[in-house]
Amino acid sequence: MSAEAFALDDGALTAWLTANVEGFQGPAVSRKFSAGQSNPTYLVEAPSGRLVLRRKPPGKLLKSAHMVEREYKVMKALGSAGYPVPVMRGLCEDESVIGSVFFVMDFLEGRIFWDPALPGLSNAERASVYDGMNAGLAHLHLIDPQRIGLADFGRAGDYFARQFARWREQYRLSETTPYPDMDRLIGWLETRMPPDDGRVAVVHGDWRIDNLMFAPDAPRLIAALDWELATLGHPFADLAYQCMQWRLPNDAVFPGLGGVDRAALGLPGEAEYVDAYARRMGLDEIANWTSHLAFAFFRLGAILQGVGKRGLDGNASNPEKARAYGATVPVLARLAVEMIDADA
């Protein structure tokens, strides 16, 4: 899909912002960020200041995907509870304004780290960034969804089974090439799903370092971003998803810490990170860890298969990068199969 397909009607956007966002003064000038593969994101500049806009992408969408309305709802609720997210300024469900549903939020000055090895930082700063990620995740999972108006943000119970069924279906719908390792991983999970122990929390769904923003001048978490996959679910799903990072190759299109001398850089090991989270949650251990990680690898593979399919179909935000993400699916499946074989 061409860049023109993602361009916004700045005149229509200016009119909507003027009518719906307190203090806004136009005209608005929008520019799409190059990063991001799911919901196109834009910088909106105006005399009154800068905003960020997130919209559904154009084209045919998979069922229940790209729900920017849910992103807006969860961030607005979490912000009211003092959780670090941008301030929400408005949601537009009228598709006639720019061609799809969108929301706007405050622009924040900060740093996003794209390489989890954190080049350019000192060892102490690296340790602080990882501790901030860990604390931010535990903070999220300790918030009572009912207290902040999110009791209806998803179904409680059977999270892993429901997510597995959903993403297995999405994977099959977007499958373009048979991957035997992915088929084997799916079969393994069908009989070894992480058990439901009754824990329910707001889960981010995509908790990784490049979805977090840190202060410009300190290794301090100031905002968690990209809440498209958020729902009510099991908190350990977020933890396992983050911990895939320790196993993914650092030089991949989706970089991790595989092959990195973590101790030399002051980075925690996977077990150390999990133990820190458990302490913050008041737990002695995280049981069934291999099953949680296997589920995380499967789910990410299914997500990236959908991204890759959009790249092949030409309706991705960045088609070339989308296809590269899709090409990592067999890598993820192979890592997962090697892990479950080693644990057998």
C-alpha atoms as a PDB file:
ATOM      1  CA  MET A   1       0.000   0.000   0.000  1.00  0.00           C
ATOM      2  CA  SER A   2       1.404   3.385  -0.989  1.00  0.00           C
ATOM      3  CA  ALA A   3       2.398   6.155   1.420  1.00  0.00           C
ATOM      4  CA  GLU A   4      -0.516   8.182   0.075  1.00  0.00           C
ATOM      5  CA  ALA A   5      -2.930   5.590   1.471  1.00  0.00           C
ATOM      6  CA  PHE A   6      -1.677   6.410   4.975  1.00  0.00           C
ATOM      7  CA  ALA A   7      -1.731  10.196   4.555  1.00  0.00           C
ATOM      8  CA  LEU A   8      -4.269  12.062   6.690  1.00  0.00           C
ATOM      9  CA  ASP A   9      -6.666  14.810   5.676  1.00  0.00           C
ATOM     10  CA  ASP A  10      -5.139  17.484   7.900  1.00  0.00           C
ATOM     11  CA  GLY A  11      -8.045  19.842   7.285  1.00  0.00           C
ATOM     12  CA  ALA A  12     -10.616  17.335   8.522  1.00  0.00           C
ATOM     13  CA  LEU A  13      -8.322  16.396  11.401  1.00  0.00           C
ATOM     14  CA  THR A  14      -7.921  20.052  12.389  1.00  0.00           C
ATOM     15  CA  ALA A  15     -11.695  20.517  12.472  1.00  0.00           C
ATOM     16  CA  TRP A  16     -12.185  17.448  14.673  1.00  0.00           C
ATOM     17  CA  LEU A  17      -9.374  18.363  17.065  1.00  0.00           C
ATOM     18  CA  THR A  18     -10.689  21.921  17.382  1.00  0.00           C
ATOM     19  CA  ALA A  19     -14.137  20.623  18.306  1.00  0.00           C
ATOM     20  CA  ASN A  20     -13.068  17.780  20.586  1.00  0.00           C
ATOM     21  CA  VAL A  21      -9.688  18.454  22.225  1.00  0.00           C
ATOM     22  CA  GLU A  22      -9.598  21.082  24.926  1.00  0.00           C
ATOM     23  CA  GLY A  23      -7.056  23.811  24.263  1.00  0.00           C
ATOM     24  CA  PHE A  24      -6.250  22.709  20.731  1.00  0.00           C
ATOM     25  CA  GLN A  25      -5.372  25.444  18.255  1.00  0.00           C
ATOM     26  CA  GLY A  26      -4.807  24.580  14.614  1.00  0.00           C
ATOM     27  CA  PRO A  27      -3.924  24.114  11.920  1.00  0.00           C
ATOM     28  CA  ALA A  28      -2.693  20.531  12.406  1.00  0.00           C
ATOM     29  CA  VAL A  29       0.114  19.072  10.310  1.00  0.00           C
ATOM     30  CA  SER A  30       0.526  15.294  10.525  1.00  0.00           C
ATOM     31  CA  ARG A  31       3.518  13.084   9.771  1.00  0.00           C
ATOM     32  CA  LYS A  32       3.505   9.315  10.016  1.00  0.00           C
ATOM     33  CA  PHE A  33       6.187   7.687  12.148  1.00  0.00           C
ATOM     34  CA  SER A  34       8.157   5.009  10.283  1.00  0.00           C
ATOM     35  CA  ALA A  35       8.194   2.647  13.277  1.00  0.00           C
ATOM     36  CA  GLY A  36       5.282   0.381  14.136  1.00  0.00           C
ATOM     37  CA  GLN A  37       3.722  -2.422  12.147  1.00  0.00           C
ATOM     38  CA  SER A  38       0.192  -2.622  13.458  1.00  0.00           C
ATOM     39  CA  ASN A  39      -1.647   0.615  14.066  1.00  0.00           C
ATOM     40  CA  PRO A  40      -0.167   3.530  12.079  1.00  0.00           C
ATOM     41  CA  THR A  41       1.052   6.272  14.395  1.00  0.00           C
ATOM     42  CA  TYR A  42       1.508   9.953  13.574  1.00  0.00           C
ATOM     43  CA  LEU A  43       3.068  13.062  15.026  1.00  0.00           C
ATOM     44  CA  VAL A  44       0.565  15.914  14.896  1.00  0.00           C
ATOM     45  CA  GLU A  45       2.073  19.389  15.168  1.00  0.00           C
ATOM     46  CA  ALA A  46       0.007  22.521  15.760  1.00  0.00           C
ATOM     47  CA  PRO A  47       0.436  25.986  17.301  1.00  0.00           C
ATOM     48  CA  SER A  48      -1.002  24.619  20.561  1.00  0.00           C
ATOM     49  CA  GLY A  49       1.641  21.880  20.758  1.00  0.00           C
ATOM     50  CA  ARG A  50       2.337  18.335  19.644  1.00  0.00           C
ATOM     51  CA  LEU A  51       0.068  15.297  19.873  1.00  0.00           C
ATOM     52  CA  VAL A  52       0.374  11.675  18.831  1.00  0.00           C
ATOM     53  CA  LEU A  53      -2.385  10.022  16.778  1.00  0.00           C
ATOM     54  CA  ARG A  54      -3.009   6.256  16.534  1.00  0.00           C
ATOM     55  CA  ARG A  55      -5.424   4.899  13.948  1.00  0.00           C
ATOM     56  CA  LYS A  56      -6.648   1.643  12.527  1.00  0.00           C
ATOM     57  CA  PRO A  57      -4.856   0.827   9.267  1.00  0.00           C
ATOM     58  CA  PRO A  58      -6.658   0.987   5.951  1.00  0.00           C
ATOM     59  CA  GLY A  59      -7.599  -2.192   4.135  1.00  0.00           C
ATOM     60  CA  LYS A  60      -9.254  -5.451   5.146  1.00  0.00           C
ATOM     61  CA  LEU A  61      -8.541  -6.303   8.798  1.00  0.00           C
ATOM     62  CA  LEU A  62      -8.649  -9.559  10.719  1.00  0.00           C
ATOM     63  CA  LYS A  63     -11.498  -9.958  13.160  1.00  0.00           C
ATOM     64  CA  SER A  64     -10.873  -8.255  16.527  1.00  0.00           C
ATOM     65  CA  ALA A  65      -7.529  -6.814  15.353  1.00  0.00           C
ATOM     66  CA  HIS A  66      -6.316  -3.193  15.541  1.00  0.00           C
ATOM     67  CA  MET A  67      -8.735  -2.182  18.298  1.00  0.00           C
ATOM     68  CA  VAL A  68      -7.512   1.346  18.958  1.00  0.00           C
ATOM     69  CA  GLU A  69     -10.686   1.921  20.969  1.00  0.00           C
ATOM     70  CA  ARG A  70      -9.382  -0.577  23.522  1.00  0.00           C
ATOM     71  CA  GLU A  71      -5.960   1.072  23.576  1.00  0.00           C
ATOM     72  CA  TYR A  72      -7.608   4.363  24.392  1.00  0.00           C
ATOM     73  CA  LYS A  73      -9.809   2.852  27.107  1.00  0.00           C
ATOM     74  CA  VAL A  74      -7.045   1.010  28.924  1.00  0.00           C
ATOM     75  CA  MET A  75      -4.568   3.898  28.854  1.00  0.00           C
ATOM     76  CA  LYS A  76      -7.191   6.362  30.035  1.00  0.00           C
ATOM     77  CA  ALA A  77      -8.101   4.070  32.944  1.00  0.00           C
ATOM     78  CA  LEU A  78      -4.489   3.348  33.890  1.00  0.00           C
ATOM     79  CA  GLY A  79      -3.573   7.007  33.688  1.00  0.00           C
ATOM     80  CA  SER A  80      -6.343   7.832  36.153  1.00  0.00           C
ATOM     81  CA  ALA A  81      -4.668   5.389  38.567  1.00  0.00           C
ATOM     82  CA  GLY A  82      -1.275   7.064  38.240  1.00  0.00           C
ATOM     83  CA  TYR A  83       0.269   4.460  35.962  1.00  0.00           C
ATOM     84  CA  PRO A  84       2.888   5.831  33.510  1.00  0.00           C
ATOM     85  CA  VAL A  85       1.049   6.283  30.205  1.00  0.00           C
ATOM     86  CA  PRO A  86       0.508   9.343  27.986  1.00  0.00           C
ATOM     87  CA  VAL A  87      -2.515  11.514  28.745  1.00  0.00           C
ATOM     88  CA  MET A  88      -5.426  10.618  26.462  1.00  0.00           C
ATOM     89  CA  ARG A  89      -6.983  13.621  24.697  1.00  0.00           C
ATOM     90  CA  GLY A  90      -9.776  12.173  22.571  1.00  0.00           C
ATOM     91  CA  LEU A  91     -11.207   9.170  20.707  1.00  0.00           C
ATOM     92  CA  CYS A  92     -12.888   9.492  17.306  1.00  0.00           C
ATOM     93  CA  GLU A  93     -15.080   6.578  16.262  1.00  0.00           C
ATOM     94  CA  ASP A  94     -16.415   8.414  13.199  1.00  0.00           C
ATOM     95  CA  GLU A  95     -14.531   6.803  10.310  1.00  0.00           C
ATOM     96  CA  SER A  96     -15.507   9.592   7.929  1.00  0.00           C
ATOM     97  CA  VAL A  97     -13.061  12.057   9.534  1.00  0.00           C
ATOM     98  CA  ILE A  98      -9.770  10.438   8.391  1.00  0.00           C
ATOM     99  CA  GLY A  99     -10.988   7.077   7.071  1.00  0.00           C
ATOM    100  CA  SER A 100     -10.704   4.993  10.239  1.00  0.00           C
ATOM    101  CA  VAL A 101     -11.165   5.127  13.997  1.00  0.00           C
ATOM    102  CA  PHE A 102      -8.365   6.996  15.811  1.00  0.00           C
ATOM    103  CA  PHE A 103      -7.367   8.529  19.106  1.00  0.00           C
ATOM    104  CA  VAL A 104      -4.984  11.286  20.140  1.00  0.00           C
ATOM    105  CA  MET A 105      -2.748  11.531  23.172  1.00  0.00           C
ATOM    106  CA  ASP A 106      -0.018  13.765  24.526  1.00  0.00           C
ATOM    107  CA  PHE A 107       3.405  13.694  22.904  1.00  0.00           C
ATOM    108  CA  LEU A 108       6.118  12.842  25.423  1.00  0.00           C
ATOM    109  CA  GLU A 109       9.794  13.706  25.270  1.00  0.00           C
ATOM    110  CA  GLY A 110      11.751  10.595  26.069  1.00  0.00           C
ATOM    111  CA  ARG A 111      13.927   7.751  24.853  1.00  0.00           C
ATOM    112  CA  ILE A 112      12.903   4.460  23.293  1.00  0.00           C
ATOM    113  CA  PHE A 113      15.580   1.784  23.245  1.00  0.00           C
ATOM    114  CA  TRP A 114      15.432  -0.393  20.137  1.00  0.00           C
ATOM    115  CA  ASP A 115      18.358  -2.642  21.055  1.00  0.00           C
ATOM    116  CA  PRO A 116      17.795  -4.554  24.322  1.00  0.00           C
ATOM    117  CA  ALA A 117      21.574  -4.681  24.865  1.00  0.00           C
ATOM    118  CA  LEU A 118      21.367  -0.908  25.446  1.00  0.00           C
ATOM    119  CA  PRO A 119      24.561   0.234  23.697  1.00  0.00           C
ATOM    120  CA  GLY A 120      25.739   3.659  24.817  1.00  0.00           C
ATOM    121  CA  LEU A 121      24.580   3.268  28.409  1.00  0.00           C
ATOM    122  CA  SER A 122      26.719   2.477  31.424  1.00  0.00           C
ATOM    123  CA  ASN A 123      26.335  -0.820  33.246  1.00  0.00           C
ATOM    124  CA  ALA A 124      24.545   0.945  36.092  1.00  0.00           C
ATOM    125  CA  GLU A 125      22.144   2.610  33.663  1.00  0.00           C
ATOM    126  CA  ARG A 126      21.447  -0.694  31.925  1.00  0.00           C
ATOM    127  CA  ALA A 127      20.651  -2.331  35.254  1.00  0.00           C
ATOM    128  CA  SER A 128      18.318   0.562  36.123  1.00  0.00           C
ATOM    129  CA  VAL A 129      16.471   0.319  32.798  1.00  0.00           C
ATOM    130  CA  TYR A 130      15.831  -3.393  33.302  1.00  0.00           C
ATOM    131  CA  ASP A 131      14.797  -2.871  36.898  1.00  0.00           C
ATOM    132  CA  GLY A 132      12.397  -0.156  35.702  1.00  0.00           C
ATOM    133  CA  MET A 133      10.877  -2.542  33.146  1.00  0.00           C
ATOM    134  CA  ASN A 134      10.482  -5.169  35.840  1.00  0.00           C
ATOM    135  CA  ALA A 135       8.943  -2.752  38.337  1.00  0.00           C
ATOM    136  CA  GLY A 136       6.606  -1.326  35.692  1.00  0.00           C
ATOM    137  CA  LEU A 137       5.340  -4.784  34.808  1.00  0.00           C
ATOM    138  CA  ALA A 138       4.715  -5.765  38.428  1.00  0.00           C
ATOM    139  CA  HIS A 139       3.033  -2.396  39.056  1.00  0.00           C
ATOM    140  CA  LEU A 140       0.650  -3.053  36.185  1.00  0.00           C
ATOM    141  CA  HIS A 141      -0.213  -6.547  37.408  1.00  0.00           C
ATOM    142  CA  LEU A 142      -0.869  -5.367  40.967  1.00  0.00           C
ATOM    143  CA  ILE A 143      -3.543  -2.876  39.859  1.00  0.00           C
ATOM    144  CA  ASP A 144      -7.089  -4.082  40.532  1.00  0.00           C
ATOM    145  CA  PRO A 145      -8.927  -3.870  37.171  1.00  0.00           C
ATOM    146  CA  GLN A 146     -12.287  -3.395  38.866  1.00  0.00           C
ATOM    147  CA  ARG A 147     -11.015  -0.437  40.885  1.00  0.00           C
ATOM    148  CA  ILE A 148     -10.101   1.494  37.714  1.00  0.00           C
ATOM    149  CA  GLY A 149     -13.219   0.630  35.713  1.00  0.00           C
ATOM    150  CA  LEU A 150     -11.775  -2.234  33.653  1.00  0.00           C
ATOM    151  CA  ALA A 151     -13.790  -5.125  35.072  1.00  0.00           C
ATOM    152  CA  ASP A 152     -15.332  -5.580  31.604  1.00  0.00           C
ATOM    153  CA  PHE A 153     -12.044  -5.265  29.678  1.00  0.00           C
ATOM    154  CA  GLY A 154     -11.918  -9.009  29.026  1.00  0.00           C
ATOM    155  CA  ARG A 155     -13.126 -12.353  30.264  1.00  0.00           C
ATOM    156  CA  ALA A 156     -11.697 -13.638  33.520  1.00  0.00           C
ATOM    157  CA  GLY A 157     -10.349 -17.179  33.606  1.00  0.00           C
ATOM    158  CA  ASP A 158      -9.020 -19.653  31.013  1.00  0.00           C
ATOM    159  CA  TYR A 159      -6.798 -16.943  29.566  1.00  0.00           C
ATOM    160  CA  PHE A 160      -4.192 -19.239  28.026  1.00  0.00           C
ATOM    161  CA  ALA A 161      -6.762 -21.596  26.496  1.00  0.00           C
ATOM    162  CA  ARG A 162      -8.745 -18.722  25.002  1.00  0.00           C
ATOM    163  CA  GLN A 163      -5.676 -16.927  23.689  1.00  0.00           C
ATOM    164  CA  PHE A 164      -4.317 -20.138  22.235  1.00  0.00           C
ATOM    165  CA  ALA A 165      -7.574 -20.801  20.371  1.00  0.00           C
ATOM    166  CA  ARG A 166      -7.711 -17.232  19.088  1.00  0.00           C
ATOM    167  CA  TRP A 167      -4.129 -17.056  17.867  1.00  0.00           C
ATOM    168  CA  ARG A 168      -4.160 -20.551  16.405  1.00  0.00           C
ATOM    169  CA  GLU A 169      -7.124 -19.466  14.284  1.00  0.00           C
ATOM    170  CA  GLN A 170      -5.441 -16.174  13.335  1.00  0.00           C
ATOM    171  CA  TYR A 171      -2.253 -18.025  12.452  1.00  0.00           C
ATOM    172  CA  ARG A 172      -4.064 -20.448  10.171  1.00  0.00           C
ATOM    173  CA  LEU A 173      -5.942 -17.584   8.495  1.00  0.00           C
ATOM    174  CA  SER A 174      -2.692 -15.762   7.719  1.00  0.00           C
ATOM    175  CA  GLU A 175      -0.494 -18.816   7.068  1.00  0.00           C
ATOM    176  CA  THR A 176       1.437 -18.548   3.802  1.00  0.00           C
ATOM    177  CA  THR A 177       4.151 -21.213   4.182  1.00  0.00           C
ATOM    178  CA  PRO A 178       3.979 -24.438   6.219  1.00  0.00           C
ATOM    179  CA  TYR A 179       6.453 -24.418   9.114  1.00  0.00           C
ATOM    180  CA  PRO A 180       6.852 -27.881  10.696  1.00  0.00           C
ATOM    181  CA  ASP A 181       8.306 -26.430  13.906  1.00  0.00           C
ATOM    182  CA  MET A 182       5.291 -24.155  14.302  1.00  0.00           C
ATOM    183  CA  ASP A 183       2.957 -27.116  13.777  1.00  0.00           C
ATOM    184  CA  ARG A 184       4.889 -29.110  16.363  1.00  0.00           C
ATOM    185  CA  LEU A 185       4.785 -26.207  18.854  1.00  0.00           C
ATOM    186  CA  ILE A 186       1.019 -25.925  18.404  1.00  0.00           C
ATOM    187  CA  GLY A 187       0.628 -29.650  18.989  1.00  0.00           C
ATOM    188  CA  TRP A 188       2.828 -29.544  22.100  1.00  0.00           C
ATOM    189  CA  LEU A 189       0.806 -26.693  23.596  1.00  0.00           C
ATOM    190  CA  GLU A 190      -2.478 -28.470  22.954  1.00  0.00           C
ATOM    191  CA  THR A 191      -1.599 -30.879  25.772  1.00  0.00           C
ATOM    192  CA  ARG A 192       0.692 -28.685  27.915  1.00  0.00           C
ATOM    193  CA  MET A 193      -1.122 -25.371  28.202  1.00  0.00           C
ATOM    194  CA  PRO A 194      -0.129 -23.297  31.256  1.00  0.00           C
ATOM    195  CA  PRO A 195      -2.778 -23.950  33.933  1.00  0.00           C
ATOM    196  CA  ASP A 196      -5.298 -21.351  35.037  1.00  0.00           C
ATOM    197  CA  ASP A 197      -4.601 -20.611  38.711  1.00  0.00           C
ATOM    198  CA  GLY A 198      -7.217 -17.871  38.999  1.00  0.00           C
ATOM    199  CA  ARG A 199      -4.898 -14.870  38.678  1.00  0.00           C
ATOM    200  CA  VAL A 200      -6.407 -12.001  36.686  1.00  0.00           C
ATOM    201  CA  ALA A 201      -4.740  -8.692  35.850  1.00  0.00           C
ATOM    202  CA  VAL A 202      -4.586  -6.099  33.119  1.00  0.00           C
ATOM    203  CA  VAL A 203      -1.999  -7.581  30.754  1.00  0.00           C
ATOM    204  CA  HIS A 204      -0.204  -5.411  28.241  1.00  0.00           C
ATOM    205  CA  GLY A 205       0.189  -8.167  25.665  1.00  0.00           C
ATOM    206  CA  ASP A 206       3.329  -6.754  24.016  1.00  0.00           C
ATOM    207  CA  TRP A 207       5.604  -5.887  26.950  1.00  0.00           C
ATOM    208  CA  ARG A 208       9.064  -5.406  25.490  1.00  0.00           C
ATOM    209  CA  ILE A 209      11.715  -2.754  25.729  1.00  0.00           C
ATOM    210  CA  ASP A 210      10.871  -0.866  22.513  1.00  0.00           C
ATOM    211  CA  ASN A 211       7.288  -0.357  23.691  1.00  0.00           C
ATOM    212  CA  LEU A 212       8.530   1.537  26.740  1.00  0.00           C
ATOM    213  CA  MET A 213       9.685   5.146  26.996  1.00  0.00           C
ATOM    214  CA  PHE A 214      12.308   6.328  29.443  1.00  0.00           C
ATOM    215  CA  ALA A 215      13.134   9.848  30.616  1.00  0.00           C
ATOM    216  CA  PRO A 216      15.475  11.835  28.339  1.00  0.00           C
ATOM    217  CA  ASP A 217      18.109  12.235  31.030  1.00  0.00           C
ATOM    218  CA  ALA A 218      17.645   9.261  33.359  1.00  0.00           C
ATOM    219  CA  PRO A 219      16.963   5.494  33.142  1.00  0.00           C
ATOM    220  CA  ARG A 220      13.448   6.050  34.500  1.00  0.00           C
ATOM    221  CA  LEU A 221      10.289   4.597  32.941  1.00  0.00           C
ATOM    222  CA  ILE A 222       7.901   7.400  31.990  1.00  0.00           C
ATOM    223  CA  ALA A 223       5.407   5.630  29.705  1.00  0.00           C
ATOM    224  CA  ALA A 224       4.300   2.226  28.499  1.00  0.00           C
ATOM    225  CA  LEU A 225       3.077   2.407  24.885  1.00  0.00           C
ATOM    226  CA  ASP A 226       1.264   0.259  22.293  1.00  0.00           C
ATOM    227  CA  TRP A 227      -1.606  -1.295  24.259  1.00  0.00           C
ATOM    228  CA  GLU A 228      -3.385  -2.814  21.248  1.00  0.00           C
ATOM    229  CA  LEU A 229      -3.164  -6.355  22.645  1.00  0.00           C
ATOM    230  CA  ALA A 230      -4.090  -5.437  26.226  1.00  0.00           C
ATOM    231  CA  THR A 231      -6.875  -7.338  27.943  1.00  0.00           C
ATOM    232  CA  LEU A 232      -7.731  -9.002  31.227  1.00  0.00           C
ATOM    233  CA  GLY A 233      -5.579 -12.070  31.477  1.00  0.00           C
ATOM    234  CA  HIS A 234      -2.912 -13.967  33.315  1.00  0.00           C
ATOM    235  CA  PRO A 235       0.036 -11.788  34.399  1.00  0.00           C
ATOM    236  CA  PHE A 236       2.639 -14.483  33.742  1.00  0.00           C
ATOM    237  CA  ALA A 237       1.877 -14.208  30.016  1.00  0.00           C
ATOM    238  CA  ASP A 238       3.424 -10.720  29.990  1.00  0.00           C
ATOM    239  CA  LEU A 239       6.433 -11.908  31.955  1.00  0.00           C
ATOM    240  CA  ALA A 240       7.117 -14.845  29.619  1.00  0.00           C
ATOM    241  CA  TYR A 241       6.621 -12.642  26.562  1.00  0.00           C
ATOM    242  CA  GLN A 242       9.257 -10.224  27.846  1.00  0.00           C
ATOM    243  CA  CYS A 243      11.612 -13.081  28.714  1.00  0.00           C
ATOM    244  CA  MET A 244      11.690 -14.342  25.120  1.00  0.00           C
ATOM    245  CA  GLN A 245      14.079 -11.410  24.696  1.00  0.00           C
ATOM    246  CA  TRP A 246      16.822 -13.343  26.506  1.00  0.00           C
ATOM    247  CA  ARG A 247      16.646 -16.114  23.874  1.00  0.00           C
ATOM    248  CA  LEU A 248      16.142 -14.198  20.618  1.00  0.00           C
ATOM    249  CA  PRO A 249      19.272 -13.395  18.544  1.00  0.00           C
ATOM    250  CA  ASN A 250      20.557  -9.853  19.007  1.00  0.00           C
ATOM    251  CA  ASP A 251      21.166  -9.402  15.276  1.00  0.00           C
ATOM    252  CA  ALA A 252      17.643 -10.434  14.226  1.00  0.00           C
ATOM    253  CA  VAL A 253      15.020  -8.064  12.829  1.00  0.00           C
ATOM    254  CA  PHE A 254      13.298  -8.585  16.179  1.00  0.00           C
ATOM    255  CA  PRO A 255      16.419  -8.237  18.401  1.00  0.00           C
ATOM    256  CA  GLY A 256      16.986 -10.014  21.688  1.00  0.00           C
ATOM    257  CA  LEU A 257      19.864 -10.817  24.019  1.00  0.00           C
ATOM    258  CA  GLY A 258      20.879 -14.164  22.525  1.00  0.00           C
ATOM    259  CA  GLY A 259      24.658 -14.280  22.159  1.00  0.00           C
ATOM    260  CA  VAL A 260      25.149 -11.125  24.251  1.00  0.00           C
ATOM    261  CA  ASP A 261      27.544 -11.233  27.237  1.00  0.00           C
ATOM    262  CA  ARG A 262      24.904 -10.003  29.643  1.00  0.00           C
ATOM    263  CA  ALA A 263      27.046 -10.122  32.774  1.00  0.00           C
ATOM    264  CA  ALA A 264      29.730  -7.956  31.133  1.00  0.00           C
ATOM    265  CA  LEU A 265      27.070  -5.335  30.272  1.00  0.00           C
ATOM    266  CA  GLY A 266      25.425  -5.298  33.688  1.00  0.00           C
ATOM    267  CA  LEU A 267      22.241  -6.896  32.372  1.00  0.00           C
ATOM    268  CA  PRO A 268      20.283  -9.383  34.483  1.00  0.00           C
ATOM    269  CA  GLY A 269      19.919 -13.000  33.436  1.00  0.00           C
ATOM    270  CA  GLU A 270      16.488 -14.439  32.710  1.00  0.00           C
ATOM    271  CA  ALA A 271      16.245 -16.260  36.063  1.00  0.00           C
ATOM    272  CA  GLU A 272      17.332 -13.132  37.928  1.00  0.00           C
ATOM    273  CA  TYR A 273      14.709 -11.054  36.124  1.00  0.00           C
ATOM    274  CA  VAL A 274      11.954 -13.597  36.851  1.00  0.00           C
ATOM    275  CA  ASP A 275      12.966 -13.768  40.510  1.00  0.00           C
ATOM    276  CA  ALA A 276      12.826  -9.967  40.820  1.00  0.00           C
ATOM    277  CA  TYR A 277       9.318  -9.942  39.361  1.00  0.00           C
ATOM    278  CA  ALA A 278       8.211 -12.741  41.686  1.00  0.00           C
ATOM    279  CA  ARG A 279       9.477 -10.806  44.715  1.00  0.00           C
ATOM    280  CA  ARG A 280       7.590  -7.710  43.633  1.00  0.00           C
ATOM    281  CA  MET A 281       4.444  -9.808  43.220  1.00  0.00           C
ATOM    282  CA  GLY A 282       4.906 -11.488  46.606  1.00  0.00           C
ATOM    283  CA  LEU A 283       5.494 -14.929  45.054  1.00  0.00           C
ATOM    284  CA  ASP A 284       8.008 -17.642  45.846  1.00  0.00           C
ATOM    285  CA  GLU A 285       8.327 -18.845  42.244  1.00  0.00           C
ATOM    286  CA  ILE A 286       6.798 -18.858  38.765  1.00  0.00           C
ATOM    287  CA  ALA A 287       5.704 -22.450  38.100  1.00  0.00           C
ATOM    288  CA  ASN A 288       5.403 -24.166  34.678  1.00  0.00           C
ATOM    289  CA  TRP A 289       7.925 -21.758  33.174  1.00  0.00           C
ATOM    290  CA  THR A 290       8.630 -23.778  30.013  1.00  0.00           C
ATOM    291  CA  SER A 291       4.912 -23.890  29.170  1.00  0.00           C
ATOM    292  CA  HIS A 292       4.626 -20.128  29.670  1.00  0.00           C
ATOM    293  CA  LEU A 293       7.609 -19.466  27.413  1.00  0.00           C
ATOM    294  CA  ALA A 294       6.381 -21.907  24.764  1.00  0.00           C
ATOM    295  CA  PHE A 295       3.026 -20.143  24.714  1.00  0.00           C
ATOM    296  CA  ALA A 296       4.784 -16.781  24.367  1.00  0.00           C
ATOM    297  CA  PHE A 297       6.836 -17.995  21.384  1.00  0.00           C
ATOM    298  CA  PHE A 298       3.731 -19.403  19.706  1.00  0.00           C
ATOM    299  CA  ARG A 299       1.681 -16.267  20.249  1.00  0.00           C
ATOM    300  CA  LEU A 300       4.413 -13.960  18.941  1.00  0.00           C
ATOM    301  CA  GLY A 301       4.863 -16.225  15.942  1.00  0.00           C
ATOM    302  CA  ALA A 302       1.151 -16.026  15.186  1.00  0.00           C
ATOM    303  CA  ILE A 303       1.196 -12.239  15.540  1.00  0.00           C
ATOM    304  CA  LEU A 304       4.208 -11.841  13.240  1.00  0.00           C
ATOM    305  CA  GLN A 305       2.674 -14.204  10.702  1.00  0.00           C
ATOM    306  CA  GLY A 306      -0.238 -11.781  10.463  1.00  0.00           C
ATOM    307  CA  VAL A 307       2.171  -8.853  10.085  1.00  0.00           C
ATOM    308  CA  GLY A 308       4.039 -10.696   7.348  1.00  0.00           C
ATOM    309  CA  LYS A 309       0.807 -11.519   5.530  1.00  0.00           C
ATOM    310  CA  ARG A 310      -0.151  -7.833   5.526  1.00  0.00           C
ATOM    311  CA  GLY A 311       3.268  -7.104   4.053  1.00  0.00           C
ATOM    312  CA  LEU A 312       2.719  -9.624   1.272  1.00  0.00           C
ATOM    313  CA  ASP A 313      -0.764  -8.266   0.640  1.00  0.00           C
ATOM    314  CA  GLY A 314       0.593  -4.705   0.450  1.00  0.00           C
ATOM    315  CA  ASN A 315      -1.528  -3.176   3.225  1.00  0.00           C
ATOM    316  CA  ALA A 316       1.088  -3.031   5.993  1.00  0.00           C
ATOM    317  CA  SER A 317       2.272   0.239   7.502  1.00  0.00           C
ATOM    318  CA  ASN A 318       5.808  -0.605   6.312  1.00  0.00           C
ATOM    319  CA  PRO A 319       5.511  -3.514   3.840  1.00  0.00           C
ATOM    320  CA  GLU A 320       9.232  -4.322   3.578  1.00  0.00           C
ATOM    321  CA  LYS A 321       9.701  -4.453   7.335  1.00  0.00           C
ATOM    322  CA  ALA A 322       6.440  -6.363   7.721  1.00  0.00           C
ATOM    323  CA  ARG A 323       7.709  -9.072   5.385  1.00  0.00           C
ATOM    324  CA  ALA A 324      10.966  -9.222   7.366  1.00  0.00           C
ATOM    325  CA  TYR A 325       8.991  -9.713  10.569  1.00  0.00           C
ATOM    326  CA  GLY A 326       6.989 -12.488   8.929  1.00  0.00           C
ATOM    327  CA  ALA A 327      10.227 -14.217   7.981  1.00  0.00           C
ATOM    328  CA  THR A 328      11.150 -14.552  11.677  1.00  0.00           C
ATOM    329  CA  VAL A 329       8.248 -16.948  12.369  1.00  0.00           C
ATOM    330  CA  PRO A 330      10.279 -20.127  11.664  1.00  0.00           C
ATOM    331  CA  VAL A 331      13.113 -18.740  13.829  1.00  0.00           C
ATOM    332  CA  LEU A 332      10.743 -18.308  16.765  1.00  0.00           C
ATOM    333  CA  ALA A 333       9.263 -21.764  16.256  1.00  0.00           C
ATOM    334  CA  ARG A 334      12.728 -23.356  16.113  1.00  0.00           C
ATOM    335  CA  LEU A 335      13.795 -21.647  19.365  1.00  0.00           C
ATOM    336  CA  ALA A 336      10.633 -22.868  21.060  1.00  0.00           C
ATOM    337  CA  VAL A 337      11.045 -26.450  19.849  1.00  0.00           C
ATOM    338  CA  GLU A 338      14.695 -26.488  20.976  1.00  0.00           C
ATOM    339  CA  MET A 339      13.577 -25.249  24.401  1.00  0.00           C
ATOM    340  CA  ILE A 340      10.865 -27.874  24.898  1.00  0.00           C
ATOM    341  CA  ASP A 341      13.206 -30.610  23.662  1.00  0.00           C
ATOM    342  CA  ALA A 342      15.874 -29.495  26.156  1.00  0.00           C
ATOM    343  CA  ASP A 343      13.300 -29.532  28.950  1.00  0.00           C
ATOM    344  CA  ALA A 344      11.977 -32.999  28.075  1.00  0.00           C
END
